[in-house]
C-alpha atoms as a PDB file:
ATOM      1  CA  MET A   1      -5.374  11.564 -13.824  1.00  0.00           C
ATOM      2  CA  SER A   2      -8.218   9.381 -12.634  1.00  0.00           C
ATOM      3  CA  LEU A   3      -7.334   6.687 -10.126  1.00  0.00           C
ATOM      4  CA  GLU A   4      -9.309   4.211 -12.222  1.00  0.00           C
ATOM      5  CA  VAL A   5      -6.764   4.483 -15.028  1.00  0.00           C
ATOM      6  CA  ILE A   6      -3.151   3.990 -14.014  1.00  0.00           C
ATOM      7  CA  GLU A   7      -0.512   3.147 -16.561  1.00  0.00           C
ATOM      8  CA  LEU A   8       2.150   0.789 -15.271  1.00  0.00           C
ATOM      9  CA  SER A   9       5.717   1.004 -16.462  1.00  0.00           C
ATOM     10  CA  GLU A  10       7.446  -2.158 -17.597  1.00  0.00           C
ATOM     11  CA  LYS A  11       9.469  -2.208 -14.356  1.00  0.00           C
ATOM     12  CA  HIS A  12       6.316  -2.012 -12.246  1.00  0.00           C
ATOM     13  CA  ARG A  13       4.667  -4.740 -14.297  1.00  0.00           C
ATOM     14  CA  ARG A  14       7.707  -7.022 -13.840  1.00  0.00           C
ATOM     15  CA  LEU A  15       7.631  -6.309 -10.109  1.00  0.00           C
ATOM     16  CA  LEU A  16       3.945  -7.230  -9.949  1.00  0.00           C
ATOM     17  CA  ASP A  17       4.584 -10.433 -11.880  1.00  0.00           C
ATOM     18  CA  ARG A  18       7.341 -11.421  -9.454  1.00  0.00           C
ATOM     19  CA  LEU A  19       5.178 -10.538  -6.439  1.00  0.00           C
ATOM     20  CA  GLY A  20       2.550 -12.846  -7.911  1.00  0.00           C
ATOM     21  CA  GLU A  21       4.979 -15.705  -7.360  1.00  0.00           C
ATOM     22  CA  LEU A  22       4.928 -14.991  -3.612  1.00  0.00           C
ATOM     23  CA  ILE A  23       1.291 -13.957  -3.239  1.00  0.00           C
ATOM     24  CA  PRO A  24      -0.865 -16.732  -4.727  1.00  0.00           C
ATOM     25  CA  ASP A  25      -4.030 -14.657  -5.222  1.00  0.00           C
ATOM     26  CA  LEU A  26      -2.269 -11.722  -6.898  1.00  0.00           C
ATOM     27  CA  ASP A  27      -3.148 -11.351 -10.554  1.00  0.00           C
ATOM     28  CA  PRO A  28      -1.726  -8.167 -12.148  1.00  0.00           C
ATOM     29  CA  GLU A  29      -4.503  -8.276 -14.748  1.00  0.00           C
ATOM     30  CA  ARG A  30      -7.273  -7.988 -12.145  1.00  0.00           C
ATOM     31  CA  PRO A  31      -8.175  -4.514 -10.846  1.00  0.00           C
ATOM     32  CA  GLN A  32      -8.901  -5.975  -7.399  1.00  0.00           C
ATOM     33  CA  SER A  33      -5.322  -7.243  -7.138  1.00  0.00           C
ATOM     34  CA  LEU A  34      -3.929  -3.877  -8.167  1.00  0.00           C
ATOM     35  CA  GLN A  35      -6.191  -2.178  -5.642  1.00  0.00           C
ATOM     36  CA  ARG A  36      -4.829  -4.489  -2.946  1.00  0.00           C
ATOM     37  CA  ILE A  37      -1.219  -3.740  -3.923  1.00  0.00           C
ATOM     38  CA  PHE A  38      -2.000  -0.013  -3.981  1.00  0.00           C
ATOM     39  CA  GLY A  39      -3.522  -0.313  -0.509  1.00  0.00           C
ATOM     40  CA  LEU A  40      -0.501  -2.176   0.845  1.00  0.00           C
ATOM     41  CA  GLY A  41       1.763   0.493  -0.627  1.00  0.00           C
ATOM     42  CA  LEU A  42      -0.286   3.175   1.119  1.00  0.00           C
ATOM     43  CA  ILE A  43       0.070   1.281   4.385  1.00  0.00           C
ATOM     44  CA  ALA A  44       3.853   1.081   4.010  1.00  0.00           C
ATOM     45  CA  LEU A  45       4.093   4.763   3.106  1.00  0.00           C
ATOM     46  CA  THR A  46       1.828   5.693   6.016  1.00  0.00           C
ATOM     47  CA  MET A  47       4.025   3.771   8.436  1.00  0.00           C
ATOM     48  CA  GLN A  48       7.120   5.574   7.134  1.00  0.00           C
ATOM     49  CA  ILE A  49       5.465   9.007   7.285  1.00  0.00           C
ATOM     50  CA  THR A  50       4.090   8.266  10.758  1.00  0.00           C
ATOM     51  CA  SER A  51       7.603   7.697  12.056  1.00  0.00           C
ATOM     52  CA  LYS A  52       8.738  11.013  10.595  1.00  0.00           C
ATOM     53  CA  ALA A  53       5.672  12.805  11.990  1.00  0.00           C
ATOM     54  CA  ARG A  54       6.496  11.587  15.493  1.00  0.00           C
ATOM     55  CA  GLN A  55       9.976  13.050  15.139  1.00  0.00           C
ATOM     56  CA  GLY A  56       8.497  16.364  13.997  1.00  0.00           C
ATOM     57  CA  ASP A  57       6.216  16.903  17.002  1.00  0.00           C
ATOM     58  CA  LYS A  58       3.075  15.912  15.137  1.00  0.00           C
ATOM     59  CA  GLU A  59       2.071  13.216  17.590  1.00  0.00           C
ATOM     60  CA  GLU A  60      -1.696  13.550  17.081  1.00  0.00           C
ATOM     61  CA  LEU A  61      -1.438  13.149  13.304  1.00  0.00           C
ATOM     62  CA  ALA A  62       1.047  10.312  13.713  1.00  0.00           C
ATOM     63  CA  GLU A  63      -1.324   8.483  16.059  1.00  0.00           C
ATOM     64  CA  GLU A  64      -4.266   8.870  13.673  1.00  0.00           C
ATOM     65  CA  LEU A  65      -2.237   7.642  10.690  1.00  0.00           C
ATOM     66  CA  GLY A  66      -0.886   4.730  12.716  1.00  0.00           C
ATOM     67  CA  THR A  67      -4.384   3.687  13.737  1.00  0.00           C
ATOM     68  CA  LEU A  68      -5.625   3.801  10.144  1.00  0.00           C
ATOM     69  CA  ALA A  69      -2.636   1.790   8.910  1.00  0.00           C
ATOM     70  CA  ARG A  70      -3.100  -0.855  11.631  1.00  0.00           C
ATOM     71  CA  GLU A  71      -6.769  -1.238  10.713  1.00  0.00           C
ATOM     72  CA  MET A  72      -5.877  -1.748   7.066  1.00  0.00           C
ATOM     73  CA  VAL A  73      -3.170  -4.296   7.914  1.00  0.00           C
ATOM     74  CA  GLU A  74      -5.667  -6.241  10.023  1.00  0.00           C
ATOM     75  CA  GLU A  75      -8.173  -6.217   7.155  1.00  0.00           C
ATOM     76  CA  GLU A  76      -5.490  -7.585   4.805  1.00  0.00           C
ATOM     77  CA  GLN A  77      -4.620 -10.240   7.433  1.00  0.00           C
ATOM     78  CA  TRP A  78      -0.887  -9.521   7.189  1.00  0.00           C
END
């Protein structure tokens, strides 16, 4: 499946609509908003995986992932 075409389930769409109430510039109908949400999800997943990688003696990978996630968070101004 191409990343340009992602079908959202009704539950995901409701979640996006509710998030739009907290994030003023989030519009589920705009691809840029969905890209931002996708990016934030990747950041959260990266942070979770980084913690597990540190526990599994993969310190170098964990450090690289952590750096990338921090850079993305700074770009999003969170």
